[in-house]
């Protein structure tokens, strides 16, 4: 497959030279050299794909990609091919951002997405992710040995993802389910990304987190390395995937604006996930109380024609999130989420 000009990668000859130098001078040289390659890229240009009047768009941090404000969450939805039938409708509605995950987390999801991706590759933006496992306390600094293992594991999963997606390149590849701030700051892991980028496999670096998310996002801000952060967040604050509840004592989304602003100022595109999971019935790993966020909204917004799930997405989009990732497994939910993402701006001035 021919690589697009805006993918911001070295050619292989340049990479071989850089890798050889890195074996002499260590990983920091690779980091410095890769970060100084602006002249080789089209990264300053706005990247637009499949934009349609039925959807709204937002520039996603320093990626400069104009992402649909609704991201199609392919992970669980495409396991077993269940929601493949929704992909064409999502594309017709102007959704241009498709997020999936490695086979180790979402068995078969990437393979289910592959035919759609092959048909629309130049018109969509595709992100995948994999864990970089670490056994350590959240407050501990991980050892070099553990960081090296995490980097190798993550890199192997990236290569597997490319095979399953039947492509040579993904627009972004993320650390999945990150909990350890020390992992976020690991040069071993970051250099693994830089090598993959130099080889033309990936364009941008990101992470997803829904446990210890506040500290993980702060660590990402401190490094200046990350282009994307997918965070488990709701109108009422942080969502913890482990407990399937809001984090105890969490600030409300409105009270997290300072942190989110700092992230955006660092060029991090912010993607909300698990935004409505707390509202969902218990059998889909939620809380089951559709009125749980009503206390956050004012009377005017409560009077909107949106249902509780639509309100949560619309509120998040207008209070610090660039886009929201939705796990849509039937046409009803897809159509509802399209409405929320395309009209959210109408309810806030």
C-alpha atoms as a PDB file:
ATOM      1  CA  UNK A   1       0.000   0.000   0.000  1.00  0.00           C
ATOM      2  CA  UNK A   2       1.317   3.435  -0.900  1.00  0.00           C
ATOM      3  CA  UNK A   3       1.871   5.642   2.128  1.00  0.00           C
ATOM      4  CA  UNK A   4       0.203   9.023   2.201  1.00  0.00           C
ATOM      5  CA  UNK A   5       2.392  12.121   2.112  1.00  0.00           C
ATOM      6  CA  UNK A   6       0.890  13.519   5.329  1.00  0.00           C
ATOM      7  CA  UNK A   7       1.883  10.564   7.475  1.00  0.00           C
ATOM      8  CA  UNK A   8       4.987  12.157   8.937  1.00  0.00           C
ATOM      9  CA  UNK A   9       7.502   9.320   8.673  1.00  0.00           C
ATOM     10  CA  UNK A  10      11.181   8.890   7.777  1.00  0.00           C
ATOM     11  CA  UNK A  11      12.099   6.868   4.723  1.00  0.00           C
ATOM     12  CA  UNK A  12      13.859   3.596   5.547  1.00  0.00           C
ATOM     13  CA  UNK A  13      17.324   4.830   4.573  1.00  0.00           C
ATOM     14  CA  UNK A  14      17.058   7.668   7.074  1.00  0.00           C
ATOM     15  CA  UNK A  15      15.785   5.289   9.729  1.00  0.00           C
ATOM     16  CA  UNK A  16      18.730   2.892   9.257  1.00  0.00           C
ATOM     17  CA  UNK A  17      21.161   5.769   9.750  1.00  0.00           C
ATOM     18  CA  UNK A  18      19.298   6.958  12.835  1.00  0.00           C
ATOM     19  CA  UNK A  19      19.050   3.494  14.366  1.00  0.00           C
ATOM     20  CA  UNK A  20      22.771   2.931  13.855  1.00  0.00           C
ATOM     21  CA  UNK A  21      23.544   6.165  15.635  1.00  0.00           C
ATOM     22  CA  UNK A  22      21.182   5.240  18.458  1.00  0.00           C
ATOM     23  CA  UNK A  23      23.093   2.023  19.163  1.00  0.00           C
ATOM     24  CA  UNK A  24      26.128   4.167  19.895  1.00  0.00           C
ATOM     25  CA  UNK A  25      24.589   7.081  21.742  1.00  0.00           C
ATOM     26  CA  UNK A  26      21.602   5.467  23.454  1.00  0.00           C
ATOM     27  CA  UNK A  27      17.850   5.992  23.365  1.00  0.00           C
ATOM     28  CA  UNK A  28      17.879   9.681  24.211  1.00  0.00           C
ATOM     29  CA  UNK A  29      19.552  10.418  20.855  1.00  0.00           C
ATOM     30  CA  UNK A  30      16.727   8.671  19.051  1.00  0.00           C
ATOM     31  CA  UNK A  31      14.186  10.747  20.926  1.00  0.00           C
ATOM     32  CA  UNK A  32      15.974  13.996  20.117  1.00  0.00           C
ATOM     33  CA  UNK A  33      16.547  13.141  16.478  1.00  0.00           C
ATOM     34  CA  UNK A  34      12.979  12.063  15.827  1.00  0.00           C
ATOM     35  CA  UNK A  35      11.548  15.139  17.532  1.00  0.00           C
ATOM     36  CA  UNK A  36      13.545  17.390  15.228  1.00  0.00           C
ATOM     37  CA  UNK A  37      12.161  16.114  11.938  1.00  0.00           C
ATOM     38  CA  UNK A  38       9.511  18.734  11.349  1.00  0.00           C
ATOM     39  CA  UNK A  39      10.894  19.577   7.921  1.00  0.00           C
ATOM     40  CA  UNK A  40      10.248  16.013   6.772  1.00  0.00           C
ATOM     41  CA  UNK A  41       6.527  16.115   7.492  1.00  0.00           C
ATOM     42  CA  UNK A  42       3.282  17.729   6.472  1.00  0.00           C
ATOM     43  CA  UNK A  43       2.227  17.924  10.110  1.00  0.00           C
ATOM     44  CA  UNK A  44       1.453  21.650   9.959  1.00  0.00           C
ATOM     45  CA  UNK A  45      -1.245  21.094   7.363  1.00  0.00           C
ATOM     46  CA  UNK A  46      -4.863  20.495   8.322  1.00  0.00           C
ATOM     47  CA  UNK A  47      -5.917  16.953   7.484  1.00  0.00           C
ATOM     48  CA  UNK A  48      -9.552  16.648   6.400  1.00  0.00           C
ATOM     49  CA  UNK A  49     -11.281  13.400   5.485  1.00  0.00           C
ATOM     50  CA  UNK A  50     -14.900  12.494   4.773  1.00  0.00           C
ATOM     51  CA  UNK A  51     -16.279  15.795   6.074  1.00  0.00           C
ATOM     52  CA  UNK A  52     -20.043  16.117   5.570  1.00  0.00           C
ATOM     53  CA  UNK A  53     -22.703  18.638   6.632  1.00  0.00           C
ATOM     54  CA  UNK A  54     -24.395  16.053   8.846  1.00  0.00           C
ATOM     55  CA  UNK A  55     -21.463  16.030  11.309  1.00  0.00           C
ATOM     56  CA  UNK A  56     -19.351  18.570  13.212  1.00  0.00           C
ATOM     57  CA  UNK A  57     -15.553  18.449  13.379  1.00  0.00           C
ATOM     58  CA  UNK A  58     -12.749  19.536  15.683  1.00  0.00           C
ATOM     59  CA  UNK A  59      -9.000  19.753  15.138  1.00  0.00           C
ATOM     60  CA  UNK A  60      -7.513  16.988  17.258  1.00  0.00           C
ATOM     61  CA  UNK A  61      -4.560  18.578  19.032  1.00  0.00           C
ATOM     62  CA  UNK A  62      -1.284  18.866  17.185  1.00  0.00           C
ATOM     63  CA  UNK A  63      -2.252  16.014  14.855  1.00  0.00           C
ATOM     64  CA  UNK A  64      -4.119  18.728  12.927  1.00  0.00           C
ATOM     65  CA  UNK A  65      -6.633  16.087  11.913  1.00  0.00           C
ATOM     66  CA  UNK A  66     -10.173  17.427  11.649  1.00  0.00           C
ATOM     67  CA  UNK A  67     -11.931  14.634  13.507  1.00  0.00           C
ATOM     68  CA  UNK A  68     -15.635  14.023  13.550  1.00  0.00           C
ATOM     69  CA  UNK A  69     -16.765  14.878  17.041  1.00  0.00           C
ATOM     70  CA  UNK A  70     -18.263  11.408  17.249  1.00  0.00           C
ATOM     71  CA  UNK A  71     -15.688   8.618  17.112  1.00  0.00           C
ATOM     72  CA  UNK A  72     -16.857   5.156  16.148  1.00  0.00           C
ATOM     73  CA  UNK A  73     -15.651   2.887  18.945  1.00  0.00           C
ATOM     74  CA  UNK A  74     -14.925  -0.344  17.110  1.00  0.00           C
ATOM     75  CA  UNK A  75     -13.372  -2.294  19.985  1.00  0.00           C
ATOM     76  CA  UNK A  76     -16.171  -4.201  21.667  1.00  0.00           C
ATOM     77  CA  UNK A  77     -18.691  -3.329  18.951  1.00  0.00           C
ATOM     78  CA  UNK A  78     -16.873  -5.276  16.246  1.00  0.00           C
ATOM     79  CA  UNK A  79     -15.917  -8.305  18.334  1.00  0.00           C
ATOM     80  CA  UNK A  80     -17.429 -11.186  16.416  1.00  0.00           C
ATOM     81  CA  UNK A  81     -18.400  -8.780  13.633  1.00  0.00           C
ATOM     82  CA  UNK A  82     -21.600  -7.774  15.411  1.00  0.00           C
ATOM     83  CA  UNK A  83     -21.713  -4.104  14.443  1.00  0.00           C
ATOM     84  CA  UNK A  84     -19.983  -4.248  11.054  1.00  0.00           C
ATOM     85  CA  UNK A  85     -23.334  -3.365   9.482  1.00  0.00           C
ATOM     86  CA  UNK A  86     -23.141   0.075  11.137  1.00  0.00           C
ATOM     87  CA  UNK A  87     -19.853   1.125   9.567  1.00  0.00           C
ATOM     88  CA  UNK A  88     -21.222   2.254   6.200  1.00  0.00           C
ATOM     89  CA  UNK A  89     -23.997   4.277   7.847  1.00  0.00           C
ATOM     90  CA  UNK A  90     -21.449   5.931  10.137  1.00  0.00           C
ATOM     91  CA  UNK A  91     -19.317   6.790   7.116  1.00  0.00           C
ATOM     92  CA  UNK A  92     -22.320   8.250   5.289  1.00  0.00           C
ATOM     93  CA  UNK A  93     -23.034  10.454   8.309  1.00  0.00           C
ATOM     94  CA  UNK A  94     -19.522  11.919   8.126  1.00  0.00           C
ATOM     95  CA  UNK A  95     -17.808   9.938  10.883  1.00  0.00           C
ATOM     96  CA  UNK A  96     -14.169   9.834   9.845  1.00  0.00           C
ATOM     97  CA  UNK A  97     -12.466   8.579  13.032  1.00  0.00           C
ATOM     98  CA  UNK A  98     -12.508   4.864  13.858  1.00  0.00           C
ATOM     99  CA  UNK A  99     -10.958   3.582  17.078  1.00  0.00           C
ATOM    100  CA  UNK A 100     -10.205  -0.082  17.631  1.00  0.00           C
ATOM    101  CA  UNK A 101      -7.904  -2.233  19.746  1.00  0.00           C
ATOM    102  CA  UNK A 102      -5.503  -5.120  19.506  1.00  0.00           C
ATOM    103  CA  UNK A 103      -6.640  -8.716  19.357  1.00  0.00           C
ATOM    104  CA  UNK A 104      -5.351  -9.261  22.869  1.00  0.00           C
ATOM    105  CA  UNK A 105      -8.054  -6.915  24.174  1.00  0.00           C
ATOM    106  CA  UNK A 106     -10.806  -7.076  21.527  1.00  0.00           C
ATOM    107  CA  UNK A 107     -10.653 -10.451  19.860  1.00  0.00           C
ATOM    108  CA  UNK A 108     -11.326 -10.099  16.143  1.00  0.00           C
ATOM    109  CA  UNK A 109     -12.228  -6.405  16.196  1.00  0.00           C
ATOM    110  CA  UNK A 110      -9.374  -5.267  13.961  1.00  0.00           C
ATOM    111  CA  UNK A 111      -9.996  -8.093  11.507  1.00  0.00           C
ATOM    112  CA  UNK A 112     -13.674  -7.123  11.363  1.00  0.00           C
ATOM    113  CA  UNK A 113     -12.711  -3.533  10.565  1.00  0.00           C
ATOM    114  CA  UNK A 114     -10.174  -4.457   7.879  1.00  0.00           C
ATOM    115  CA  UNK A 115     -12.531  -4.730   4.851  1.00  0.00           C
ATOM    116  CA  UNK A 116     -14.095  -1.339   5.625  1.00  0.00           C
ATOM    117  CA  UNK A 117     -10.660   0.169   6.153  1.00  0.00           C
ATOM    118  CA  UNK A 118      -9.363  -1.204   2.855  1.00  0.00           C
ATOM    119  CA  UNK A 119     -12.320   0.348   1.038  1.00  0.00           C
ATOM    120  CA  UNK A 120     -12.075   3.782   2.664  1.00  0.00           C
ATOM    121  CA  UNK A 121      -8.426   4.046   3.762  1.00  0.00           C
ATOM    122  CA  UNK A 122      -7.769   7.511   2.346  1.00  0.00           C
ATOM    123  CA  UNK A 123     -11.043   8.899   3.715  1.00  0.00           C
ATOM    124  CA  UNK A 124     -10.856   7.857   7.365  1.00  0.00           C
ATOM    125  CA  UNK A 125      -8.527   8.137  10.342  1.00  0.00           C
ATOM    126  CA  UNK A 126      -7.812   4.889  12.168  1.00  0.00           C
ATOM    127  CA  UNK A 127      -6.455   4.480  15.680  1.00  0.00           C
ATOM    128  CA  UNK A 128      -5.639   1.258  17.483  1.00  0.00           C
ATOM    129  CA  UNK A 129      -4.084   0.470  20.834  1.00  0.00           C
ATOM    130  CA  UNK A 130      -2.592  -2.231  22.988  1.00  0.00           C
ATOM    131  CA  UNK A 131      -1.567  -2.597  26.626  1.00  0.00           C
ATOM    132  CA  UNK A 132       2.013  -2.231  27.787  1.00  0.00           C
ATOM    133  CA  UNK A 133       1.733  -4.386  30.919  1.00  0.00           C
ATOM    134  CA  UNK A 134       3.510  -3.388  34.112  1.00  0.00           C
ATOM    135  CA  UNK A 135       3.331  -5.045  37.520  1.00  0.00           C
ATOM    136  CA  UNK A 136       3.981  -2.325  40.041  1.00  0.00           C
ATOM    137  CA  UNK A 137       2.219  -0.118  42.536  1.00  0.00           C
ATOM    138  CA  UNK A 138       0.726   2.974  40.969  1.00  0.00           C
ATOM    139  CA  UNK A 139       2.976   5.259  42.995  1.00  0.00           C
ATOM    140  CA  UNK A 140       6.185   3.351  42.171  1.00  0.00           C
ATOM    141  CA  UNK A 141       8.722   4.207  39.482  1.00  0.00           C
ATOM    142  CA  UNK A 142       8.935   1.195  37.193  1.00  0.00           C
ATOM    143  CA  UNK A 143      12.316  -0.405  36.707  1.00  0.00           C
ATOM    144  CA  UNK A 144      14.247  -0.272  33.439  1.00  0.00           C
ATOM    145  CA  UNK A 145      13.706  -4.002  32.974  1.00  0.00           C
ATOM    146  CA  UNK A 146       9.937  -3.642  33.350  1.00  0.00           C
ATOM    147  CA  UNK A 147       9.884  -0.673  30.981  1.00  0.00           C
ATOM    148  CA  UNK A 148      11.845  -2.622  28.374  1.00  0.00           C
ATOM    149  CA  UNK A 149       9.439  -5.529  28.625  1.00  0.00           C
ATOM    150  CA  UNK A 150       6.431  -3.208  28.311  1.00  0.00           C
ATOM    151  CA  UNK A 151       7.950  -1.575  25.227  1.00  0.00           C
ATOM    152  CA  UNK A 152       8.672  -4.921  23.545  1.00  0.00           C
ATOM    153  CA  UNK A 153       5.200  -6.249  24.323  1.00  0.00           C
ATOM    154  CA  UNK A 154       3.489  -3.092  23.007  1.00  0.00           C
ATOM    155  CA  UNK A 155       5.590  -3.077  19.834  1.00  0.00           C
ATOM    156  CA  UNK A 156       4.733  -6.709  19.126  1.00  0.00           C
ATOM    157  CA  UNK A 157       1.050  -5.953  19.534  1.00  0.00           C
ATOM    158  CA  UNK A 158       1.361  -3.024  17.120  1.00  0.00           C
ATOM    159  CA  UNK A 159       2.835  -5.309  14.473  1.00  0.00           C
ATOM    160  CA  UNK A 160       0.013  -7.779  15.065  1.00  0.00           C
ATOM    161  CA  UNK A 161      -2.524  -4.967  14.769  1.00  0.00           C
ATOM    162  CA  UNK A 162      -1.156  -3.935  11.392  1.00  0.00           C
ATOM    163  CA  UNK A 163      -1.507  -7.515  10.180  1.00  0.00           C
ATOM    164  CA  UNK A 164      -5.067  -7.816  11.472  1.00  0.00           C
ATOM    165  CA  UNK A 165      -6.035  -4.464   9.968  1.00  0.00           C
ATOM    166  CA  UNK A 166      -4.403  -5.494   6.677  1.00  0.00           C
ATOM    167  CA  UNK A 167      -2.516  -2.226   6.455  1.00  0.00           C
ATOM    168  CA  UNK A 168       1.078  -1.000   6.716  1.00  0.00           C
ATOM    169  CA  UNK A 169       0.189   2.119   8.663  1.00  0.00           C
ATOM    170  CA  UNK A 170      -2.191   3.438  11.313  1.00  0.00           C
ATOM    171  CA  UNK A 171      -2.746   7.107  12.009  1.00  0.00           C
ATOM    172  CA  UNK A 172      -2.152   6.630  15.739  1.00  0.00           C
ATOM    173  CA  UNK A 173      -1.289   3.794  18.092  1.00  0.00           C
ATOM    174  CA  UNK A 174      -1.923   4.162  21.795  1.00  0.00           C
ATOM    175  CA  UNK A 175      -0.915   2.682  25.115  1.00  0.00           C
ATOM    176  CA  UNK A 176      -4.114   1.041  26.304  1.00  0.00           C
ATOM    177  CA  UNK A 177      -5.576   1.244  29.797  1.00  0.00           C
ATOM    178  CA  UNK A 178      -2.601   3.052  31.305  1.00  0.00           C
ATOM    179  CA  UNK A 179      -2.623   3.358  35.096  1.00  0.00           C
ATOM    180  CA  UNK A 180       1.019   4.061  35.955  1.00  0.00           C
ATOM    181  CA  UNK A 181       2.304   7.627  35.555  1.00  0.00           C
ATOM    182  CA  UNK A 182       5.807   6.151  35.540  1.00  0.00           C
ATOM    183  CA  UNK A 183       4.958   4.146  32.406  1.00  0.00           C
ATOM    184  CA  UNK A 184       3.651   7.286  30.737  1.00  0.00           C
ATOM    185  CA  UNK A 185       7.049   8.897  31.324  1.00  0.00           C
ATOM    186  CA  UNK A 186       9.114   5.897  30.208  1.00  0.00           C
ATOM    187  CA  UNK A 187      11.673   6.740  27.535  1.00  0.00           C
ATOM    188  CA  UNK A 188      11.839   3.048  26.640  1.00  0.00           C
ATOM    189  CA  UNK A 189       8.186   3.046  25.636  1.00  0.00           C
ATOM    190  CA  UNK A 190       8.375   6.404  23.895  1.00  0.00           C
ATOM    191  CA  UNK A 191      11.401   5.339  21.877  1.00  0.00           C
ATOM    192  CA  UNK A 192       9.525   2.191  20.840  1.00  0.00           C
ATOM    193  CA  UNK A 193       6.898   4.486  19.336  1.00  0.00           C
ATOM    194  CA  UNK A 194       9.530   6.656  17.658  1.00  0.00           C
ATOM    195  CA  UNK A 195      11.129   3.634  16.005  1.00  0.00           C
ATOM    196  CA  UNK A 196       7.757   2.480  14.701  1.00  0.00           C
ATOM    197  CA  UNK A 197       7.054   5.977  13.431  1.00  0.00           C
ATOM    198  CA  UNK A 198      10.426   6.153  11.721  1.00  0.00           C
ATOM    199  CA  UNK A 199       9.677   2.834  10.036  1.00  0.00           C
ATOM    200  CA  UNK A 200       6.459   4.258   8.588  1.00  0.00           C
ATOM    201  CA  UNK A 201       4.111   2.156  10.708  1.00  0.00           C
ATOM    202  CA  UNK A 202       2.379   4.884  12.710  1.00  0.00           C
ATOM    203  CA  UNK A 203       1.878   8.630  12.724  1.00  0.00           C
ATOM    204  CA  UNK A 204       0.938   9.657  16.252  1.00  0.00           C
ATOM    205  CA  UNK A 205       1.350   8.553  19.871  1.00  0.00           C
ATOM    206  CA  UNK A 206      -1.414   8.392  22.441  1.00  0.00           C
ATOM    207  CA  UNK A 207      -2.784   6.684  25.509  1.00  0.00           C
ATOM    208  CA  UNK A 208      -6.078   5.588  26.956  1.00  0.00           C
ATOM    209  CA  UNK A 209      -6.821   5.589  30.662  1.00  0.00           C
ATOM    210  CA  UNK A 210      -9.809   4.975  32.902  1.00  0.00           C
ATOM    211  CA  UNK A 211      -8.056   4.330  36.207  1.00  0.00           C
ATOM    212  CA  UNK A 212      -5.854   6.872  37.969  1.00  0.00           C
ATOM    213  CA  UNK A 213      -6.678   9.015  34.940  1.00  0.00           C
ATOM    214  CA  UNK A 214      -6.042  12.384  36.563  1.00  0.00           C
ATOM    215  CA  UNK A 215      -2.418  11.561  37.406  1.00  0.00           C
ATOM    216  CA  UNK A 216      -1.886   9.746  34.109  1.00  0.00           C
ATOM    217  CA  UNK A 217      -3.028  12.796  32.141  1.00  0.00           C
ATOM    218  CA  UNK A 218      -0.816  15.073  34.245  1.00  0.00           C
ATOM    219  CA  UNK A 219       2.153  12.814  33.455  1.00  0.00           C
ATOM    220  CA  UNK A 220       1.359  12.947  29.735  1.00  0.00           C
ATOM    221  CA  UNK A 221       1.240  16.738  29.902  1.00  0.00           C
ATOM    222  CA  UNK A 222       4.618  16.829  31.643  1.00  0.00           C
ATOM    223  CA  UNK A 223       6.351  14.759  28.949  1.00  0.00           C
ATOM    224  CA  UNK A 224       5.136  16.671  25.904  1.00  0.00           C
ATOM    225  CA  UNK A 225       5.242  13.383  23.973  1.00  0.00           C
ATOM    226  CA  UNK A 226       1.590  12.536  23.537  1.00  0.00           C
ATOM    227  CA  UNK A 227      -0.663  13.564  20.658  1.00  0.00           C
ATOM    228  CA  UNK A 228      -3.849  11.939  21.981  1.00  0.00           C
ATOM    229  CA  UNK A 229      -5.351  11.068  25.341  1.00  0.00           C
ATOM    230  CA  UNK A 230      -8.517   8.998  25.581  1.00  0.00           C
ATOM    231  CA  UNK A 231      -9.851   9.476  29.085  1.00  0.00           C
ATOM    232  CA  UNK A 232     -12.660   7.817  31.025  1.00  0.00           C
ATOM    233  CA  UNK A 233     -14.722  10.840  31.946  1.00  0.00           C
ATOM    234  CA  UNK A 234     -18.356  11.841  32.455  1.00  0.00           C
ATOM    235  CA  UNK A 235     -20.222  15.106  33.095  1.00  0.00           C
ATOM    236  CA  UNK A 236     -19.978  14.245  36.805  1.00  0.00           C
ATOM    237  CA  UNK A 237     -16.227  13.543  36.697  1.00  0.00           C
ATOM    238  CA  UNK A 238     -13.797  10.651  36.347  1.00  0.00           C
ATOM    239  CA  UNK A 239     -15.096   7.155  35.609  1.00  0.00           C
ATOM    240  CA  UNK A 240     -13.224   4.160  37.038  1.00  0.00           C
ATOM    241  CA  UNK A 241     -13.447   1.069  34.853  1.00  0.00           C
ATOM    242  CA  UNK A 242     -12.371  -1.196  37.705  1.00  0.00           C
ATOM    243  CA  UNK A 243     -15.299  -0.305  39.962  1.00  0.00           C
ATOM    244  CA  UNK A 244     -17.739   0.675  37.190  1.00  0.00           C
ATOM    245  CA  UNK A 245     -18.460   3.782  39.251  1.00  0.00           C
ATOM    246  CA  UNK A 246     -17.381   7.372  39.451  1.00  0.00           C
ATOM    247  CA  UNK A 247     -14.077   7.858  41.241  1.00  0.00           C
ATOM    248  CA  UNK A 248     -14.763   8.637  44.891  1.00  0.00           C
ATOM    249  CA  UNK A 249     -14.553  12.366  45.489  1.00  0.00           C
ATOM    250  CA  UNK A 250     -14.045  13.157  41.807  1.00  0.00           C
ATOM    251  CA  UNK A 251     -14.321  16.777  40.724  1.00  0.00           C
ATOM    252  CA  UNK A 252     -17.118  17.385  38.237  1.00  0.00           C
ATOM    253  CA  UNK A 253     -16.157  17.853  34.585  1.00  0.00           C
ATOM    254  CA  UNK A 254     -16.729  21.584  34.922  1.00  0.00           C
ATOM    255  CA  UNK A 255     -14.130  21.652  37.712  1.00  0.00           C
ATOM    256  CA  UNK A 256     -11.552  19.846  35.550  1.00  0.00           C
ATOM    257  CA  UNK A 257     -11.389  22.550  32.899  1.00  0.00           C
ATOM    258  CA  UNK A 258      -7.962  23.760  34.028  1.00  0.00           C
ATOM    259  CA  UNK A 259      -6.397  20.321  33.613  1.00  0.00           C
ATOM    260  CA  UNK A 260      -8.050  19.774  30.239  1.00  0.00           C
ATOM    261  CA  UNK A 261      -6.917  23.200  29.051  1.00  0.00           C
ATOM    262  CA  UNK A 262      -3.322  22.415  30.018  1.00  0.00           C
ATOM    263  CA  UNK A 263      -3.512  19.200  28.020  1.00  0.00           C
ATOM    264  CA  UNK A 264      -4.855  20.983  24.946  1.00  0.00           C
ATOM    265  CA  UNK A 265      -2.174  23.652  25.252  1.00  0.00           C
ATOM    266  CA  UNK A 266       0.402  20.847  25.105  1.00  0.00           C
ATOM    267  CA  UNK A 267      -1.096  19.737  21.806  1.00  0.00           C
ATOM    268  CA  UNK A 268      -2.949  16.731  23.201  1.00  0.00           C
ATOM    269  CA  UNK A 269      -6.210  15.905  21.465  1.00  0.00           C
ATOM    270  CA  UNK A 270      -8.744  14.901  24.133  1.00  0.00           C
ATOM    271  CA  UNK A 271     -11.091  12.001  23.489  1.00  0.00           C
ATOM    272  CA  UNK A 272     -13.810  11.191  25.987  1.00  0.00           C
ATOM    273  CA  UNK A 273     -14.669   7.545  26.568  1.00  0.00           C
ATOM    274  CA  UNK A 274     -16.961   5.677  28.972  1.00  0.00           C
ATOM    275  CA  UNK A 275     -18.900   8.944  29.057  1.00  0.00           C
ATOM    276  CA  UNK A 276     -22.299   7.244  29.280  1.00  0.00           C
ATOM    277  CA  UNK A 277     -21.320   3.833  30.668  1.00  0.00           C
ATOM    278  CA  UNK A 278     -22.331   4.863  34.187  1.00  0.00           C
ATOM    279  CA  UNK A 279     -25.876   5.465  32.939  1.00  0.00           C
ATOM    280  CA  UNK A 280     -26.200   2.109  31.230  1.00  0.00           C
ATOM    281  CA  UNK A 281     -28.000  -0.914  32.699  1.00  0.00           C
ATOM    282  CA  UNK A 282     -25.912  -3.155  34.908  1.00  0.00           C
ATOM    283  CA  UNK A 283     -25.918  -5.940  32.340  1.00  0.00           C
ATOM    284  CA  UNK A 284     -23.775  -3.722  30.099  1.00  0.00           C
ATOM    285  CA  UNK A 285     -21.418  -2.863  32.957  1.00  0.00           C
ATOM    286  CA  UNK A 286     -22.979   0.408  33.927  1.00  0.00           C
ATOM    287  CA  UNK A 287     -24.854   1.755  36.941  1.00  0.00           C
ATOM    288  CA  UNK A 288     -28.295   1.749  35.442  1.00  0.00           C
ATOM    289  CA  UNK A 289     -29.477   5.172  36.637  1.00  0.00           C
ATOM    290  CA  UNK A 290     -30.207   7.341  33.606  1.00  0.00           C
ATOM    291  CA  UNK A 291     -30.728  10.395  35.835  1.00  0.00           C
ATOM    292  CA  UNK A 292     -27.297  10.160  37.508  1.00  0.00           C
ATOM    293  CA  UNK A 293     -25.899  13.244  35.745  1.00  0.00           C
ATOM    294  CA  UNK A 294     -29.000  15.436  35.924  1.00  0.00           C
ATOM    295  CA  UNK A 295     -27.630  17.256  38.971  1.00  0.00           C
ATOM    296  CA  UNK A 296     -24.793  18.581  36.799  1.00  0.00           C
ATOM    297  CA  UNK A 297     -27.015  20.232  34.183  1.00  0.00           C
ATOM    298  CA  UNK A 298     -28.851  23.538  34.342  1.00  0.00           C
ATOM    299  CA  UNK A 299     -32.595  23.853  33.708  1.00  0.00           C
ATOM    300  CA  UNK A 300     -32.167  25.070  30.148  1.00  0.00           C
ATOM    301  CA  UNK A 301     -30.116  22.048  29.120  1.00  0.00           C
ATOM    302  CA  UNK A 302     -32.439  19.673  30.972  1.00  0.00           C
ATOM    303  CA  UNK A 303     -35.279  21.061  28.859  1.00  0.00           C
ATOM    304  CA  UNK A 304     -33.516  20.042  25.632  1.00  0.00           C
ATOM    305  CA  UNK A 305     -35.051  17.250  23.527  1.00  0.00           C
ATOM    306  CA  UNK A 306     -31.980  15.064  24.082  1.00  0.00           C
ATOM    307  CA  UNK A 307     -32.239  11.824  26.032  1.00  0.00           C
ATOM    308  CA  UNK A 308     -29.891  11.173  29.030  1.00  0.00           C
ATOM    309  CA  UNK A 309     -27.232   9.488  26.903  1.00  0.00           C
ATOM    310  CA  UNK A 310     -27.284  12.242  24.292  1.00  0.00           C
ATOM    311  CA  UNK A 311     -27.117  14.892  27.010  1.00  0.00           C
ATOM    312  CA  UNK A 312     -23.986  13.323  28.488  1.00  0.00           C
ATOM    313  CA  UNK A 313     -22.193  13.286  25.136  1.00  0.00           C
ATOM    314  CA  UNK A 314     -23.301  16.805  24.205  1.00  0.00           C
ATOM    315  CA  UNK A 315     -22.267  18.211  27.593  1.00  0.00           C
ATOM    316  CA  UNK A 316     -18.839  16.569  27.441  1.00  0.00           C
ATOM    317  CA  UNK A 317     -18.239  17.914  23.942  1.00  0.00           C
ATOM    318  CA  UNK A 318     -18.971  21.452  25.076  1.00  0.00           C
ATOM    319  CA  UNK A 319     -16.954  21.229  28.290  1.00  0.00           C
ATOM    320  CA  UNK A 320     -13.381  20.399  27.382  1.00  0.00           C
ATOM    321  CA  UNK A 321     -13.487  17.266  25.225  1.00  0.00           C
ATOM    322  CA  UNK A 322     -12.553  17.523  21.566  1.00  0.00           C
ATOM    323  CA  UNK A 323     -14.426  14.370  20.576  1.00  0.00           C
ATOM    324  CA  UNK A 324     -16.223  11.456  22.231  1.00  0.00           C
ATOM    325  CA  UNK A 325     -15.727   7.766  21.549  1.00  0.00           C
ATOM    326  CA  UNK A 326     -18.995   5.840  21.513  1.00  0.00           C
ATOM    327  CA  UNK A 327     -19.496   2.078  21.519  1.00  0.00           C
ATOM    328  CA  UNK A 328     -22.476   1.800  19.176  1.00  0.00           C
ATOM    329  CA  UNK A 329     -23.880  -1.652  18.505  1.00  0.00           C
ATOM    330  CA  UNK A 330     -27.240  -0.892  16.913  1.00  0.00           C
ATOM    331  CA  UNK A 331     -28.676   1.662  14.507  1.00  0.00           C
ATOM    332  CA  UNK A 332     -30.793   3.378  17.161  1.00  0.00           C
ATOM    333  CA  UNK A 333     -27.786   4.250  19.296  1.00  0.00           C
ATOM    334  CA  UNK A 334     -25.764   5.283  16.261  1.00  0.00           C
ATOM    335  CA  UNK A 335     -28.448   7.711  15.085  1.00  0.00           C
ATOM    336  CA  UNK A 336     -28.912   9.129  18.589  1.00  0.00           C
ATOM    337  CA  UNK A 337     -25.185   9.708  18.994  1.00  0.00           C
ATOM    338  CA  UNK A 338     -24.923  11.365  15.582  1.00  0.00           C
ATOM    339  CA  UNK A 339     -27.581  13.853  16.676  1.00  0.00           C
ATOM    340  CA  UNK A 340     -25.788  14.554  19.969  1.00  0.00           C
ATOM    341  CA  UNK A 341     -22.423  15.176  18.316  1.00  0.00           C
ATOM    342  CA  UNK A 342     -23.772  17.294  15.477  1.00  0.00           C
ATOM    343  CA  UNK A 343     -25.987  19.535  17.628  1.00  0.00           C
ATOM    344  CA  UNK A 344     -24.123  19.849  20.956  1.00  0.00           C
ATOM    345  CA  UNK A 345     -23.012  23.403  20.154  1.00  0.00           C
ATOM    346  CA  UNK A 346     -26.633  24.532  19.882  1.00  0.00           C
ATOM    347  CA  UNK A 347     -27.242  24.111  23.617  1.00  0.00           C
ATOM    348  CA  UNK A 348     -24.317  26.146  24.970  1.00  0.00           C
ATOM    349  CA  UNK A 349     -23.234  29.680  24.172  1.00  0.00           C
END
